[in-house]
Protein backbone atom coordinates (compact mmCIF):
# COMPACT_ATOMS: atom_id res chain seq x y z
CA MET A 1 155.59 94.30 -65.12
CA ASP A 2 156.35 97.52 -66.98
CA ASN A 3 159.13 99.67 -65.46
CA ASN A 4 156.98 102.76 -65.65
CA ILE A 5 154.36 100.97 -63.45
CA ILE A 6 157.01 100.03 -60.97
CA LEU A 7 158.36 103.66 -60.88
CA ASN A 8 154.90 104.99 -60.35
CA PHE A 9 154.29 102.55 -57.50
CA LYS A 10 157.54 103.69 -55.90
CA LYS A 11 156.77 107.42 -56.46
CA THR A 12 153.29 107.17 -54.99
CA ILE A 13 154.50 105.13 -51.98
CA LYS A 14 157.43 107.25 -51.26
CA HIS A 15 155.15 110.30 -51.41
CA LEU A 16 153.32 108.70 -48.48
CA ILE A 17 156.17 107.21 -46.43
CA ASP A 18 159.85 106.63 -46.84
CA ILE A 19 160.24 102.91 -47.69
CA PRO A 20 163.37 101.41 -49.26
CA ASP A 21 163.23 100.55 -52.98
CA GLU A 22 163.72 96.82 -52.40
CA LYS A 23 160.68 96.64 -50.04
CA ILE A 24 158.54 98.41 -52.56
CA GLU A 25 159.67 96.17 -55.33
CA TYR A 26 158.69 93.12 -53.15
CA PHE A 27 155.39 94.79 -52.52
CA VAL A 28 154.81 95.17 -56.24
CA SER A 29 155.78 91.62 -56.88
CA LEU A 30 152.88 90.57 -54.75
CA SER A 31 150.34 92.42 -56.92
CA VAL A 32 148.29 91.03 -59.76
CA GLN A 33 147.13 92.94 -62.82
CA ASN A 34 143.30 93.23 -63.23
CA ILE A 35 141.67 94.90 -66.28
CA TYR A 36 138.27 96.60 -65.81
CA LYS A 37 136.31 97.71 -68.79
CA LYS A 38 134.20 100.99 -68.46
CA GLY A 39 131.30 100.12 -66.24
CA ASP A 40 132.83 97.17 -64.56
CA TYR A 41 132.99 97.10 -60.80
CA PHE A 42 136.07 96.74 -58.66
CA SER A 43 133.87 96.19 -55.63
CA THR A 44 130.14 96.05 -54.80
CA VAL A 45 128.07 95.74 -51.68
CA GLU A 46 126.94 92.35 -52.81
CA ASN A 47 130.48 91.20 -53.78
CA PRO A 48 132.94 93.41 -51.86
CA SER A 49 136.62 93.20 -52.83
CA GLU A 50 139.08 92.40 -50.00
CA ASN A 51 141.89 93.77 -52.17
CA LEU A 52 144.03 96.71 -51.93
CA GLY A 53 144.14 98.19 -55.47
CA PHE A 54 146.64 100.58 -57.14
CA ILE A 55 145.29 102.21 -60.26
CA THR A 56 147.95 102.33 -63.05
CA LYS A 57 145.43 103.32 -65.87
CA GLY A 58 141.95 104.66 -65.79
CA LEU A 59 139.39 106.27 -63.42
CA VAL A 60 137.10 104.85 -60.75
CA ARG A 61 134.26 106.26 -58.73
CA VAL A 62 133.39 105.27 -55.12
CA PHE A 63 129.72 105.66 -54.41
CA VAL A 64 126.86 104.44 -52.25
CA ILE A 65 123.16 103.74 -53.03
CA ASP A 66 120.51 104.66 -50.55
CA GLN A 67 117.24 102.67 -49.79
CA GLU A 68 115.35 104.56 -52.49
CA GLY A 69 118.01 103.61 -55.10
CA ASN A 70 119.72 106.97 -55.29
CA GLU A 71 123.44 107.16 -55.89
CA ALA A 72 125.76 109.44 -53.84
CA THR A 73 129.34 109.76 -55.21
CA LEU A 74 131.84 109.80 -52.33
CA ASN A 75 135.12 110.14 -54.29
CA PHE A 76 137.06 109.58 -57.43
CA ARG A 77 140.38 107.85 -57.97
CA ALA A 78 142.61 107.93 -61.06
CA GLU A 79 146.07 106.73 -61.93
CA ASN A 80 148.73 106.27 -59.28
CA ASN A 81 146.23 106.21 -56.38
CA PHE A 82 145.15 103.43 -54.11
CA THR A 83 141.62 102.20 -53.85
CA SER A 84 139.89 99.77 -51.57
CA ALA A 85 136.44 98.89 -50.19
CA HIS A 86 137.90 98.82 -46.62
CA GLY A 87 137.16 101.78 -44.41
CA GLY A 88 139.87 100.31 -42.24
CA ILE A 89 141.72 97.38 -43.95
CA ILE A 90 143.67 97.16 -40.72
CA LEU A 91 140.43 96.33 -38.89
CA ASN A 92 139.01 94.18 -41.78
CA ASN A 93 136.11 96.50 -41.91
CA LEU A 94 134.46 96.24 -45.39
CA GLN A 95 132.26 99.26 -46.29
CA PRO A 96 128.91 99.16 -48.09
CA VAL A 97 130.43 100.95 -51.17
CA TYR A 98 130.60 100.42 -54.80
CA ILE A 99 133.77 101.07 -56.77
CA GLN A 100 133.10 101.33 -60.61
CA ALA A 101 135.47 102.02 -63.43
CA LEU A 102 134.40 105.17 -65.29
CA GLU A 103 136.74 104.35 -68.09
CA ASP A 104 138.80 101.31 -69.15
CA SER A 105 141.04 100.76 -66.17
CA GLU A 106 144.10 98.70 -65.03
CA ILE A 107 144.31 98.08 -61.26
CA TYR A 108 146.98 96.07 -59.61
CA THR A 109 145.72 94.33 -56.48
CA ILE A 110 147.12 92.73 -53.43
CA PRO A 111 144.86 90.47 -51.46
CA ARG A 112 144.22 91.75 -47.91
CA ASP A 113 145.55 88.55 -46.38
CA GLU A 114 148.89 88.87 -48.13
CA PHE A 115 149.05 92.57 -47.19
CA VAL A 116 148.28 91.63 -43.44
CA GLU A 117 151.13 89.15 -43.54
CA LEU A 118 153.47 91.76 -45.06
CA TRP A 119 152.77 94.32 -42.29
CA LYS A 120 153.11 91.67 -39.55
CA LYS A 121 156.70 91.27 -40.79
CA ASP A 122 157.33 95.03 -41.15
CA SER A 123 155.10 97.69 -39.65
CA VAL A 124 156.11 100.19 -42.27
CA TRP A 125 153.29 98.77 -44.42
CA LYS A 126 150.85 99.17 -41.70
CA ASP A 127 151.96 102.79 -41.40
CA MET A 128 151.53 103.35 -45.18
CA LEU A 129 148.03 101.98 -44.99
CA GLN A 130 147.18 104.14 -42.07
CA ILE A 131 148.30 107.20 -43.98
CA ILE A 132 146.14 106.12 -47.01
CA THR A 133 143.15 105.69 -44.62
CA GLU A 134 143.62 108.95 -43.02
CA TYR A 135 143.98 110.65 -46.35
CA ASP A 136 140.60 109.14 -47.48
CA SER A 137 139.05 110.19 -44.23
CA LEU A 138 140.30 113.76 -44.51
CA GLN A 139 138.93 113.93 -48.14
CA LEU A 140 135.46 112.78 -46.99
CA ARG A 141 135.55 115.19 -44.06
CA GLU A 142 136.51 118.05 -46.41
CA ARG A 143 133.68 117.19 -48.76
CA GLU A 144 131.25 117.11 -45.88
CA ILE A 145 132.44 120.51 -44.58
CA ASN A 146 132.30 121.98 -48.06
CA SER A 147 128.71 120.94 -48.50
CA LEU A 148 127.73 122.66 -45.25
CA LEU A 149 129.74 125.86 -45.66
CA TYR A 150 129.67 126.68 -49.43
CA ASP A 151 127.04 127.24 -52.12
CA ALA A 152 126.92 124.93 -55.20
CA LYS A 153 128.93 127.29 -57.33
CA THR A 154 131.85 127.52 -54.82
CA ARG A 155 131.76 123.68 -54.30
CA TYR A 156 131.95 123.19 -58.05
CA PHE A 157 135.02 125.53 -58.49
CA LYS A 158 136.62 123.88 -55.49
CA PHE A 159 136.11 120.39 -57.12
CA MET A 160 137.49 121.49 -60.41
CA LYS A 161 140.69 122.73 -58.56
CA ASP A 162 140.97 119.61 -56.29
CA PHE A 163 140.49 117.16 -59.18
CA GLU A 164 141.96 119.39 -62.04
CA VAL A 165 144.12 116.46 -63.22
CA PHE A 166 141.16 114.45 -64.32
CA ALA A 167 137.89 116.43 -63.69
CA GLU A 168 137.28 116.84 -67.45
CA ARG A 169 137.17 112.97 -67.67
CA ILE A 170 134.22 112.68 -65.32
CA LYS A 171 130.55 112.91 -66.53
CA ILE A 172 128.44 115.84 -65.26
CA ARG A 173 125.97 113.49 -63.51
CA TYR A 174 128.80 112.12 -61.42
CA ILE A 175 130.20 115.47 -60.57
CA SER A 176 126.68 116.73 -59.48
CA SER A 177 126.22 113.52 -57.38
CA TYR A 178 129.60 114.31 -55.63
CA LEU A 179 128.62 117.89 -55.15
CA GLY A 180 125.13 116.98 -53.85
CA ILE A 181 123.34 119.12 -56.56
CA SER A 182 121.20 118.36 -59.55
CA ALA A 183 122.77 117.91 -62.99
CA GLU A 184 120.63 120.75 -64.17
CA THR A 185 122.13 123.11 -61.44
CA LEU A 186 125.55 122.04 -62.40
CA SER A 187 124.86 122.72 -66.11
CA ARG A 188 123.74 126.31 -65.19
CA ILE A 189 126.89 126.80 -63.20
CA ARG A 190 129.08 125.52 -66.01
CA SER A 191 127.14 127.60 -68.59
CA ALA A 192 127.69 130.83 -66.57
CA GLN A 193 131.39 130.08 -66.38
CA ILE A 194 131.84 130.14 -70.18
């Protein structure tokens, strides 16, 4: 595995929780590289992934599809972020979500069973996962609150600030889905900004 990838793993994990380098290196050694082409799925409702993924290259979208076939984007994840179809990997609770690569992506994965064995030996890994899960929950809560409190324009500007590192890499239709507005409304907001 490339040294930069190991360094990014370490940096991301240490940002969440203080874990000694040798433990992180062992964690990384358990991971397997997976390549996803743009449009490929990391996880689907029909074929959910039980893996914990770490994105080293690319961008993914987490979304759901309602009974009428409408998509609603819940979140985006880019390089140096974890992704998973588990709402609570600790409870083995798979969520009915889709995780799709929006561009060619590289995701290192660790099977849930191996991760569970790891945290049984050392609870620091369970603590790390709890922090990741709490972070995801807080992001979803913030999105929900924003949709209740703010108009579309304010939500868009907030989105651009929150996702500024990779917002320009996301298609308008996915941003509008995330914001809960039509693509036409988003285009008008963007046009007025110029």
